[in-house]
Amino acid sequence: MLIDFNIQKNDGTFLAGNDLLKDPKSYREELLALNYVGGSITIATDETVWDIEDELAPLLYHFCLLSLPRLVQDGKYRFNYFEIHGIVDLESADGFVLISGSFIETILVVRDEFIPQALQCVLRYIDFFQKLNEPKFNNDWKLLAQTADEMVNYLQENYPEYIK
């Protein structure tokens, strides 16, 4: 399984996170033209490719960070979309994470794959904006970076098997 972020350009097309990291500064002009950083998170498994779209920083904050303490155990996490009226549910049970909600297809993924991939996704996003080094986007990644550090420490202390 791979979880990645995608940034939506003004023309509606997407820039894939893994591509962005190859040369962040080459995307500077396209990104500076954005009013805000919207996009999606993609989960790719052997069976399917699944996307959820919203403003990217809040989506990553909830989906890839704040949900993790509840998902490492059998628990639930619910959050609201930032741009539209709707919810996203993540529920962990019996070694799986069920993702469902408004405007998305339901998907079931293996918890032991989901948790490290979700964390790596947000860390790649932070790394991209740090390398881009553009003040316009500081609010998009600095809170994520602080929360990601706290989450890495929490997982290392309590669930080291998820830190890869």
N, C-alpha and C. Protein backbone atom coordinates (compact mmCIF):
# COMPACT_ATOMS: atom_id res chain seq x y z
N MET A 1 0.84 -1.17 0.00
CA MET A 1 0.00 0.00 0.00
C MET A 1 0.89 1.24 0.00
N LEU A 2 0.43 2.26 -0.70
CA LEU A 2 1.09 3.56 -0.70
C LEU A 2 0.04 4.63 -0.44
N ILE A 3 0.34 5.54 0.46
CA ILE A 3 -0.50 6.71 0.70
C ILE A 3 0.33 7.92 0.29
N ASP A 4 -0.24 8.77 -0.57
CA ASP A 4 0.49 9.94 -1.05
C ASP A 4 -0.44 11.14 -1.09
N PHE A 5 0.14 12.34 -1.05
CA PHE A 5 -0.64 13.56 -1.20
C PHE A 5 -0.51 14.05 -2.64
N ASN A 6 -1.50 14.81 -3.08
CA ASN A 6 -1.51 15.42 -4.41
C ASN A 6 -1.98 16.86 -4.24
N ILE A 7 -1.32 17.78 -4.91
CA ILE A 7 -1.70 19.19 -4.85
C ILE A 7 -2.48 19.53 -6.12
N GLN A 8 -3.65 20.13 -5.94
CA GLN A 8 -4.48 20.50 -7.08
C GLN A 8 -4.06 21.86 -7.62
N LYS A 9 -3.78 21.91 -8.92
CA LYS A 9 -3.42 23.17 -9.58
C LYS A 9 -4.70 23.92 -9.93
N ASN A 10 -4.55 25.18 -10.32
CA ASN A 10 -5.71 26.01 -10.65
C ASN A 10 -6.51 25.46 -11.82
N ASP A 11 -5.88 24.69 -12.71
CA ASP A 11 -6.60 24.12 -13.86
C ASP A 11 -7.32 22.82 -13.51
N GLY A 12 -7.26 22.41 -12.24
CA GLY A 12 -7.96 21.20 -11.79
C GLY A 12 -7.14 19.93 -11.86
N THR A 13 -5.97 19.97 -12.48
CA THR A 13 -5.11 18.80 -12.52
C THR A 13 -4.31 18.71 -11.22
N PHE A 14 -3.70 17.57 -11.00
CA PHE A 14 -3.00 17.33 -9.74
C PHE A 14 -1.52 17.09 -9.95
N LEU A 15 -0.74 17.52 -8.98
CA LEU A 15 0.68 17.22 -8.91
C LEU A 15 0.88 16.18 -7.82
N ALA A 16 1.46 15.04 -8.16
CA ALA A 16 1.64 13.96 -7.19
C ALA A 16 2.80 14.27 -6.26
N GLY A 17 2.60 13.98 -4.97
CA GLY A 17 3.60 14.27 -3.96
C GLY A 17 4.96 13.66 -4.24
N ASN A 18 4.98 12.40 -4.67
CA ASN A 18 6.27 11.77 -4.95
C ASN A 18 7.01 12.48 -6.07
N ASP A 19 6.27 13.00 -7.08
CA ASP A 19 6.91 13.75 -8.17
C ASP A 19 7.41 15.10 -7.67
N LEU A 20 6.63 15.75 -6.82
CA LEU A 20 7.01 17.06 -6.30
C LEU A 20 8.33 17.02 -5.53
N LEU A 21 8.56 15.95 -4.82
CA LEU A 21 9.76 15.85 -3.99
C LEU A 21 11.04 15.72 -4.80
N LYS A 22 10.93 15.32 -6.06
CA LYS A 22 12.12 15.16 -6.89
C LYS A 22 12.83 16.48 -7.13
N ASP A 23 12.04 17.56 -7.31
CA ASP A 23 12.62 18.88 -7.54
C ASP A 23 11.61 19.95 -7.11
N PRO A 24 11.47 20.18 -5.80
CA PRO A 24 10.44 21.09 -5.30
C PRO A 24 10.47 22.48 -5.91
N LYS A 25 11.63 23.04 -6.10
CA LYS A 25 11.72 24.43 -6.58
C LYS A 25 11.23 24.58 -8.01
N SER A 26 11.19 23.51 -8.80
CA SER A 26 10.71 23.62 -10.18
C SER A 26 9.19 23.86 -10.23
N TYR A 27 8.51 23.65 -9.12
CA TYR A 27 7.06 23.86 -9.06
C TYR A 27 6.69 25.18 -8.40
N ARG A 28 7.67 25.98 -8.04
CA ARG A 28 7.44 27.21 -7.29
C ARG A 28 6.40 28.12 -7.95
N GLU A 29 6.54 28.43 -9.22
CA GLU A 29 5.63 29.37 -9.89
C GLU A 29 4.20 28.84 -9.92
N GLU A 30 4.04 27.56 -10.23
CA GLU A 30 2.69 26.97 -10.23
C GLU A 30 2.05 27.05 -8.86
N LEU A 31 2.83 26.81 -7.84
CA LEU A 31 2.28 26.83 -6.48
C LEU A 31 2.01 28.25 -5.99
N LEU A 32 2.84 29.19 -6.36
CA LEU A 32 2.61 30.57 -5.95
C LEU A 32 1.32 31.12 -6.56
N ALA A 33 0.88 30.57 -7.69
CA ALA A 33 -0.36 31.02 -8.33
C ALA A 33 -1.61 30.53 -7.59
N LEU A 34 -1.45 29.57 -6.68
CA LEU A 34 -2.60 29.03 -5.97
C LEU A 34 -3.11 30.00 -4.91
N ASN A 35 -4.44 30.04 -4.74
CA ASN A 35 -5.03 30.82 -3.66
C ASN A 35 -4.87 30.09 -2.33
N TYR A 36 -4.93 28.79 -2.37
CA TYR A 36 -4.73 27.94 -1.20
C TYR A 36 -4.26 26.59 -1.72
N VAL A 37 -3.80 25.73 -0.82
CA VAL A 37 -3.29 24.42 -1.23
C VAL A 37 -4.38 23.39 -1.01
N GLY A 38 -5.13 23.13 -2.06
CA GLY A 38 -6.12 22.06 -2.05
C GLY A 38 -5.51 20.83 -2.68
N GLY A 39 -6.18 19.72 -2.52
CA GLY A 39 -5.64 18.53 -3.13
C GLY A 39 -6.33 17.28 -2.65
N SER A 40 -5.58 16.21 -2.63
CA SER A 40 -6.16 14.93 -2.25
C SER A 40 -5.11 14.05 -1.60
N ILE A 41 -5.62 13.04 -0.94
CA ILE A 41 -4.80 11.94 -0.46
C ILE A 41 -5.22 10.73 -1.28
N THR A 42 -4.24 10.01 -1.77
CA THR A 42 -4.49 8.80 -2.55
C THR A 42 -3.97 7.60 -1.77
N ILE A 43 -4.80 6.57 -1.71
CA ILE A 43 -4.36 5.28 -1.18
C ILE A 43 -4.35 4.31 -2.35
N ALA A 44 -3.20 3.76 -2.64
CA ALA A 44 -3.08 2.79 -3.72
C ALA A 44 -2.72 1.43 -3.13
N THR A 45 -3.56 0.45 -3.41
CA THR A 45 -3.29 -0.93 -3.00
C THR A 45 -3.18 -1.77 -4.27
N ASP A 46 -2.92 -3.05 -4.11
CA ASP A 46 -2.87 -3.94 -5.27
C ASP A 46 -4.23 -4.01 -5.95
N GLU A 47 -5.31 -3.79 -5.20
CA GLU A 47 -6.65 -3.95 -5.73
C GLU A 47 -7.30 -2.66 -6.23
N THR A 48 -6.92 -1.51 -5.67
CA THR A 48 -7.67 -0.30 -5.98
C THR A 48 -6.84 0.96 -5.75
N VAL A 49 -7.32 2.06 -6.31
CA VAL A 49 -6.78 3.39 -6.02
C VAL A 49 -7.96 4.21 -5.51
N TRP A 50 -7.76 4.85 -4.36
CA TRP A 50 -8.83 5.55 -3.65
C TRP A 50 -8.36 6.97 -3.36
N ASP A 51 -9.25 7.97 -3.54
CA ASP A 51 -8.89 9.37 -3.30
C ASP A 51 -9.89 10.05 -2.39
N ILE A 52 -9.40 10.99 -1.61
CA ILE A 52 -10.24 11.90 -0.84
C ILE A 52 -9.70 13.31 -1.06
N GLU A 53 -10.57 14.24 -1.43
CA GLU A 53 -10.16 15.60 -1.75
C GLU A 53 -10.64 16.59 -0.68
N ASP A 54 -9.83 17.61 -0.43
CA ASP A 54 -10.18 18.69 0.48
C ASP A 54 -9.01 19.67 0.49
N GLU A 55 -9.10 20.70 1.34
CA GLU A 55 -7.93 21.54 1.55
C GLU A 55 -6.88 20.64 2.20
N LEU A 56 -5.69 20.67 1.68
CA LEU A 56 -4.73 19.61 1.97
C LEU A 56 -4.19 19.61 3.40
N ALA A 57 -3.81 20.75 3.95
CA ALA A 57 -3.23 20.76 5.30
C ALA A 57 -4.22 20.22 6.34
N PRO A 58 -5.49 20.68 6.37
CA PRO A 58 -6.42 20.11 7.36
C PRO A 58 -6.70 18.62 7.12
N LEU A 59 -6.73 18.22 5.84
CA LEU A 59 -6.97 16.82 5.53
C LEU A 59 -5.82 15.95 6.06
N LEU A 60 -4.60 16.36 5.79
CA LEU A 60 -3.44 15.61 6.30
C LEU A 60 -3.40 15.62 7.83
N TYR A 61 -3.74 16.76 8.42
CA TYR A 61 -3.73 16.91 9.86
C TYR A 61 -4.63 15.88 10.54
N HIS A 62 -5.82 15.73 10.01
CA HIS A 62 -6.77 14.78 10.60
C HIS A 62 -6.52 13.34 10.14
N PHE A 63 -6.43 13.15 8.84
CA PHE A 63 -6.36 11.80 8.26
C PHE A 63 -5.05 11.11 8.60
N CYS A 64 -3.95 11.84 8.54
CA CYS A 64 -2.62 11.23 8.68
C CYS A 64 -1.96 11.45 10.03
N LEU A 65 -2.56 12.29 10.90
CA LEU A 65 -1.93 12.54 12.20
C LEU A 65 -2.88 12.30 13.37
N LEU A 66 -3.91 13.11 13.47
CA LEU A 66 -4.76 13.04 14.67
C LEU A 66 -5.52 11.72 14.78
N SER A 67 -5.75 11.05 13.69
CA SER A 67 -6.46 9.77 13.75
C SER A 67 -5.60 8.64 14.31
N LEU A 68 -4.29 8.76 14.22
CA LEU A 68 -3.41 7.63 14.53
C LEU A 68 -3.51 7.10 15.96
N PRO A 69 -3.56 7.96 16.99
CA PRO A 69 -3.66 7.39 18.34
C PRO A 69 -4.91 6.52 18.54
N ARG A 70 -5.99 6.83 17.85
CA ARG A 70 -7.19 6.01 17.98
C ARG A 70 -7.11 4.76 17.13
N LEU A 71 -6.38 4.84 16.02
CA LEU A 71 -6.33 3.71 15.10
C LEU A 71 -5.31 2.65 15.48
N VAL A 72 -4.29 3.00 16.27
CA VAL A 72 -3.30 1.99 16.68
C VAL A 72 -3.96 0.96 17.59
N GLN A 73 -5.02 1.35 18.24
CA GLN A 73 -5.85 0.43 19.01
C GLN A 73 -7.15 0.30 18.22
N ASP A 74 -8.04 -0.54 18.67
CA ASP A 74 -9.35 -0.61 18.02
C ASP A 74 -10.14 0.62 18.44
N GLY A 75 -10.21 1.61 17.57
CA GLY A 75 -10.90 2.85 17.90
C GLY A 75 -11.43 3.53 16.66
N LYS A 76 -12.11 4.67 16.88
CA LYS A 76 -12.73 5.43 15.80
C LYS A 76 -12.22 6.86 15.82
N TYR A 77 -12.17 7.46 14.64
CA TYR A 77 -11.85 8.88 14.52
C TYR A 77 -12.74 9.45 13.43
N ARG A 78 -13.40 10.56 13.74
CA ARG A 78 -14.28 11.23 12.77
C ARG A 78 -13.84 12.67 12.65
N PHE A 79 -13.83 13.17 11.41
CA PHE A 79 -13.56 14.60 11.22
C PHE A 79 -14.42 15.14 10.09
N ASN A 80 -14.59 16.45 10.11
CA ASN A 80 -15.36 17.14 9.08
C ASN A 80 -14.44 17.59 7.97
N TYR A 81 -14.99 17.57 6.76
CA TYR A 81 -14.27 18.19 5.65
C TYR A 81 -14.07 19.66 5.98
N PHE A 82 -13.03 20.26 5.44
CA PHE A 82 -12.75 21.66 5.68
C PHE A 82 -13.51 22.55 4.69
N GLU A 83 -13.59 22.13 3.41
CA GLU A 83 -14.17 22.98 2.37
C GLU A 83 -15.66 22.74 2.15
N ILE A 84 -16.18 21.57 2.46
CA ILE A 84 -17.57 21.25 2.19
C ILE A 84 -18.20 20.61 3.41
N HIS A 85 -19.52 20.53 3.42
CA HIS A 85 -20.23 19.94 4.54
C HIS A 85 -20.25 18.42 4.37
N GLY A 86 -19.56 17.72 5.22
CA GLY A 86 -19.51 16.27 5.17
C GLY A 86 -18.51 15.76 6.18
N ILE A 87 -18.50 14.44 6.38
CA ILE A 87 -17.64 13.83 7.38
C ILE A 87 -16.81 12.71 6.77
N VAL A 88 -15.75 12.37 7.48
CA VAL A 88 -14.92 11.21 7.15
C VAL A 88 -14.77 10.42 8.44
N ASP A 89 -15.00 9.11 8.35
CA ASP A 89 -14.84 8.21 9.49
C ASP A 89 -13.70 7.24 9.22
N LEU A 90 -12.88 7.04 10.22
CA LEU A 90 -11.85 6.01 10.20
C LEU A 90 -12.11 5.14 11.41
N GLU A 91 -12.21 3.84 11.20
CA GLU A 91 -12.50 2.92 12.30
C GLU A 91 -11.55 1.74 12.21
N SER A 92 -10.87 1.48 13.32
CA SER A 92 -9.89 0.40 13.39
C SER A 92 -10.45 -0.75 14.23
N ALA A 93 -10.39 -1.94 13.65
CA ALA A 93 -10.82 -3.15 14.37
C ALA A 93 -10.21 -4.37 13.72
N ASP A 94 -9.81 -5.32 14.54
CA ASP A 94 -9.31 -6.62 14.06
C ASP A 94 -8.19 -6.50 13.03
N GLY A 95 -7.31 -5.50 13.21
CA GLY A 95 -6.17 -5.36 12.32
C GLY A 95 -6.44 -4.62 11.02
N PHE A 96 -7.62 -4.04 10.87
CA PHE A 96 -7.97 -3.31 9.65
C PHE A 96 -8.43 -1.91 10.01
N VAL A 97 -8.37 -1.01 9.01
CA VAL A 97 -8.94 0.33 9.14
C VAL A 97 -9.99 0.47 8.05
N LEU A 98 -11.21 0.79 8.46
CA LEU A 98 -12.32 1.04 7.56
C LEU A 98 -12.44 2.55 7.40
N ILE A 99 -12.37 3.02 6.17
CA ILE A 99 -12.47 4.45 5.88
C ILE A 99 -13.76 4.67 5.10
N SER A 100 -14.61 5.56 5.60
CA SER A 100 -15.89 5.82 4.95
C SER A 100 -16.30 7.26 5.22
N GLY A 101 -17.38 7.68 4.59
CA GLY A 101 -17.89 9.01 4.84
C GLY A 101 -18.58 9.62 3.64
N SER A 102 -18.84 10.91 3.75
CA SER A 102 -19.50 11.65 2.69
C SER A 102 -18.57 11.78 1.48
N PHE A 103 -19.10 11.58 0.30
CA PHE A 103 -18.40 11.83 -0.96
C PHE A 103 -17.22 10.91 -1.24
N ILE A 104 -17.08 9.82 -0.50
CA ILE A 104 -15.98 8.88 -0.75
C ILE A 104 -16.51 7.45 -0.74
N GLU A 105 -15.84 6.60 -1.48
CA GLU A 105 -16.16 5.19 -1.44
C GLU A 105 -15.53 4.59 -0.18
N THR A 106 -16.20 3.62 0.39
CA THR A 106 -15.68 2.94 1.57
C THR A 106 -14.53 2.03 1.15
N ILE A 107 -13.47 2.03 1.96
CA ILE A 107 -12.31 1.19 1.70
C ILE A 107 -11.85 0.57 3.01
N LEU A 108 -11.37 -0.66 2.92
CA LEU A 108 -10.83 -1.38 4.07
C LEU A 108 -9.36 -1.65 3.78
N VAL A 109 -8.48 -1.22 4.71
CA VAL A 109 -7.04 -1.39 4.53
C VAL A 109 -6.44 -2.05 5.77
N VAL A 110 -5.29 -2.64 5.61
CA VAL A 110 -4.59 -3.30 6.71
C VAL A 110 -3.99 -2.22 7.62
N ARG A 111 -4.31 -2.28 8.90
CA ARG A 111 -3.85 -1.26 9.86
C ARG A 111 -2.34 -1.16 9.90
N ASP A 112 -1.63 -2.30 9.92
CA ASP A 112 -0.18 -2.28 10.03
C ASP A 112 0.49 -1.65 8.81
N GLU A 113 -0.22 -1.55 7.70
CA GLU A 113 0.29 -0.85 6.53
C GLU A 113 -0.17 0.61 6.53
N PHE A 114 -1.41 0.85 6.94
CA PHE A 114 -1.99 2.19 6.91
C PHE A 114 -1.24 3.17 7.81
N ILE A 115 -0.99 2.80 9.05
CA ILE A 115 -0.43 3.75 10.02
C ILE A 115 0.94 4.26 9.60
N PRO A 116 1.92 3.42 9.27
CA PRO A 116 3.21 3.98 8.85
C PRO A 116 3.12 4.75 7.53
N GLN A 117 2.25 4.30 6.62
CA GLN A 117 2.10 5.00 5.35
C GLN A 117 1.47 6.38 5.53
N ALA A 118 0.47 6.49 6.40
CA ALA A 118 -0.16 7.78 6.68
C ALA A 118 0.86 8.74 7.25
N LEU A 119 1.65 8.27 8.19
CA LEU A 119 2.67 9.12 8.80
C LEU A 119 3.72 9.53 7.76
N GLN A 120 4.17 8.61 6.94
CA GLN A 120 5.16 8.94 5.90
C GLN A 120 4.60 9.94 4.89
N CYS A 121 3.32 9.85 4.58
CA CYS A 121 2.69 10.78 3.65
C CYS A 121 2.80 12.21 4.17
N VAL A 122 2.41 12.44 5.41
CA VAL A 122 2.46 13.80 5.96
C VAL A 122 3.91 14.26 6.12
N LEU A 123 4.82 13.36 6.42
CA LEU A 123 6.23 13.75 6.53
C LEU A 123 6.80 14.17 5.16
N ARG A 124 6.36 13.52 4.08
CA ARG A 124 6.78 13.93 2.73
C ARG A 124 6.24 15.31 2.39
N TYR A 125 5.00 15.59 2.77
CA TYR A 125 4.38 16.90 2.53
C TYR A 125 5.18 17.99 3.25
N ILE A 126 5.50 17.75 4.50
CA ILE A 126 6.29 18.71 5.28
C ILE A 126 7.66 18.91 4.64
N ASP A 127 8.29 17.82 4.25
CA ASP A 127 9.61 17.87 3.62
C ASP A 127 9.56 18.70 2.33
N PHE A 128 8.50 18.50 1.55
CA PHE A 128 8.36 19.26 0.30
C PHE A 128 8.33 20.76 0.57
N PHE A 129 7.48 21.19 1.50
CA PHE A 129 7.35 22.62 1.74
C PHE A 129 8.56 23.20 2.45
N GLN A 130 9.25 22.42 3.25
CA GLN A 130 10.51 22.90 3.83
C GLN A 130 11.54 23.14 2.73
N LYS A 131 11.62 22.21 1.78
CA LYS A 131 12.57 22.36 0.68
C LYS A 131 12.17 23.48 -0.26
N LEU A 132 10.87 23.67 -0.46
CA LEU A 132 10.40 24.76 -1.31
C LEU A 132 10.78 26.11 -0.71
N ASN A 133 10.73 26.20 0.62
CA ASN A 133 11.17 27.38 1.35
C ASN A 133 10.49 28.65 0.86
N GLU A 134 9.16 28.60 0.79
CA GLU A 134 8.37 29.75 0.33
C GLU A 134 7.50 30.22 1.49
N PRO A 135 7.73 31.45 1.99
CA PRO A 135 6.98 31.93 3.15
C PRO A 135 5.46 31.88 3.00
N LYS A 136 4.95 32.01 1.78
CA LYS A 136 3.50 31.98 1.55
C LYS A 136 2.87 30.72 2.13
N PHE A 137 3.63 29.63 2.17
CA PHE A 137 3.08 28.34 2.57
C PHE A 137 3.45 27.92 3.99
N ASN A 138 4.09 28.79 4.75
CA ASN A 138 4.52 28.42 6.09
C ASN A 138 3.38 27.92 6.96
N ASN A 139 2.21 28.56 6.88
CA ASN A 139 1.08 28.11 7.70
C ASN A 139 0.60 26.73 7.30
N ASP A 140 0.85 26.33 6.05
CA ASP A 140 0.39 25.02 5.57
C ASP A 140 1.19 23.86 6.13
N TRP A 141 2.41 24.11 6.57
CA TRP A 141 3.20 22.96 7.01
C TRP A 141 3.76 23.07 8.42
N LYS A 142 3.87 24.25 9.00
CA LYS A 142 4.53 24.38 10.30
C LYS A 142 3.75 23.72 11.44
N LEU A 143 2.43 23.89 11.48
CA LEU A 143 1.65 23.20 12.50
C LEU A 143 1.71 21.69 12.28
N LEU A 144 1.65 21.27 11.02
CA LEU A 144 1.77 19.85 10.72
C LEU A 144 3.11 19.31 11.21
N ALA A 145 4.16 20.07 11.03
CA ALA A 145 5.49 19.61 11.44
C ALA A 145 5.56 19.41 12.95
N GLN A 146 5.00 20.35 13.70
CA GLN A 146 5.01 20.23 15.16
C GLN A 146 4.20 19.01 15.60
N THR A 147 3.02 18.85 15.02
CA THR A 147 2.16 17.72 15.39
C THR A 147 2.79 16.40 14.94
N ALA A 148 3.43 16.40 13.78
CA ALA A 148 4.09 15.18 13.29
C ALA A 148 5.22 14.76 14.22
N ASP A 149 5.99 15.72 14.70
CA ASP A 149 7.06 15.40 15.67
C ASP A 149 6.47 14.74 16.92
N GLU A 150 5.39 15.33 17.41
CA GLU A 150 4.73 14.77 18.60
C GLU A 150 4.21 13.36 18.33
N MET A 151 3.64 13.15 17.12
CA MET A 151 3.10 11.84 16.79
C MET A 151 4.20 10.80 16.63
N VAL A 152 5.31 11.17 16.01
CA VAL A 152 6.44 10.24 15.88
C VAL A 152 6.93 9.84 17.27
N ASN A 153 7.07 10.81 18.17
CA ASN A 153 7.50 10.50 19.54
C ASN A 153 6.51 9.59 20.24
N TYR A 154 5.23 9.88 20.10
CA TYR A 154 4.18 9.05 20.72
C TYR A 154 4.25 7.61 20.21
N LEU A 155 4.37 7.45 18.90
CA LEU A 155 4.42 6.10 18.33
C LEU A 155 5.71 5.39 18.72
N GLN A 156 6.84 6.10 18.74
CA GLN A 156 8.10 5.48 19.12
C GLN A 156 8.04 4.96 20.55
N GLU A 157 7.42 5.73 21.44
CA GLU A 157 7.35 5.33 22.84
C GLU A 157 6.34 4.22 23.10
N ASN A 158 5.23 4.23 22.36
CA ASN A 158 4.13 3.33 22.67
C ASN A 158 3.88 2.22 21.63
N TYR A 159 4.22 2.49 20.39
CA TYR A 159 3.95 1.54 19.30
C TYR A 159 5.10 1.58 18.30
N PRO A 160 6.30 1.20 18.71
CA PRO A 160 7.47 1.34 17.85
C PRO A 160 7.38 0.53 16.55
N GLU A 161 6.54 -0.46 16.52
CA GLU A 161 6.41 -1.27 15.30
C GLU A 161 5.87 -0.46 14.11
N TYR A 162 5.28 0.70 14.37
CA TYR A 162 4.73 1.52 13.29
C TYR A 162 5.70 2.55 12.75
N ILE A 163 6.86 2.69 13.38
CA ILE A 163 7.86 3.63 12.91
C ILE A 163 8.82 2.89 12.00
N LYS A 164 8.81 3.29 10.74
CA LYS A 164 9.66 2.59 9.76
C LYS A 164 10.58 3.55 9.06
